[in-house]
Amino acid sequence: MPEEWVDPDILAMKLDDGEKSGLQIYRNYTRAFEKSAIDKFVQLTLPPVSIQF
């Protein structure tokens, strides 16, 4: 298993490589979806900002 793309806490678990990979993929997608939801919420709730020079 390529250790450079797996978080150290997952790497330390007593799981086989397939389980570690699945857990890391789940974590990555969860983080991405949470960030996307926060970004969309901010876009919808904050008024647009106009910058004039």
Protein backbone atom coordinates (compact mmCIF):
# COMPACT_ATOMS: atom_id res chain seq x y z
CA MET A 1 0.00 0.00 0.00
CA PRO A 2 1.36 3.44 -0.88
CA GLU A 3 1.85 4.98 2.54
CA GLU A 4 2.21 8.57 1.33
CA TRP A 5 -1.53 9.00 0.64
CA VAL A 6 -2.86 7.32 3.77
CA ASP A 7 -3.23 9.29 7.01
CA PRO A 8 -0.93 8.03 9.80
CA ASP A 9 -3.81 7.12 12.13
CA ILE A 10 -5.41 4.92 9.47
CA LEU A 11 -2.05 3.42 8.57
CA ALA A 12 -1.53 2.40 12.22
CA MET A 13 -4.84 0.49 12.38
CA LYS A 14 -4.84 -3.29 12.33
CA LEU A 15 -6.75 -3.55 9.06
CA ASP A 16 -5.87 -5.05 5.71
CA ASP A 17 -4.82 -2.79 2.86
CA GLY A 18 -8.25 -2.81 1.22
CA GLU A 19 -9.96 -1.71 4.42
CA LYS A 20 -7.40 1.05 5.01
CA SER A 21 -7.81 2.28 1.44
CA GLY A 22 -11.60 2.30 1.76
CA LEU A 23 -11.46 4.17 5.04
CA GLN A 24 -9.07 6.77 3.60
CA ILE A 25 -11.24 7.26 0.51
CA TYR A 26 -14.32 7.67 2.71
CA ARG A 27 -12.50 10.25 4.85
CA ASN A 28 -11.30 12.19 1.80
CA TYR A 29 -14.78 12.33 0.27
CA THR A 30 -16.34 13.30 3.60
CA ARG A 31 -13.89 16.19 3.99
CA ALA A 32 -14.48 17.33 0.41
CA PHE A 33 -18.28 17.25 0.76
CA GLU A 34 -18.14 19.09 4.10
CA LYS A 35 -15.93 21.81 2.59
CA SER A 36 -18.22 22.12 -0.42
CA ALA A 37 -21.29 22.43 1.81
CA ILE A 38 -19.64 25.15 3.90
CA ASP A 39 -18.52 27.05 0.79
CA LYS A 40 -22.03 26.91 -0.71
CA PHE A 41 -23.59 28.02 2.58
CA VAL A 42 -21.25 30.99 2.78
CA GLN A 43 -21.98 31.96 -0.82
CA LEU A 44 -25.72 31.85 -0.19
CA THR A 45 -25.72 33.70 3.13
CA LEU A 46 -23.20 36.48 2.65
CA PRO A 47 -24.04 39.47 0.48
CA PRO A 48 -21.82 40.02 -2.55
CA VAL A 49 -18.90 42.35 -1.90
CA SER A 50 -18.05 45.10 -4.31
CA ILE A 51 -14.48 46.38 -4.28
CA GLN A 52 -13.82 49.79 -5.78
CA PHE A 53 -10.44 51.37 -6.30
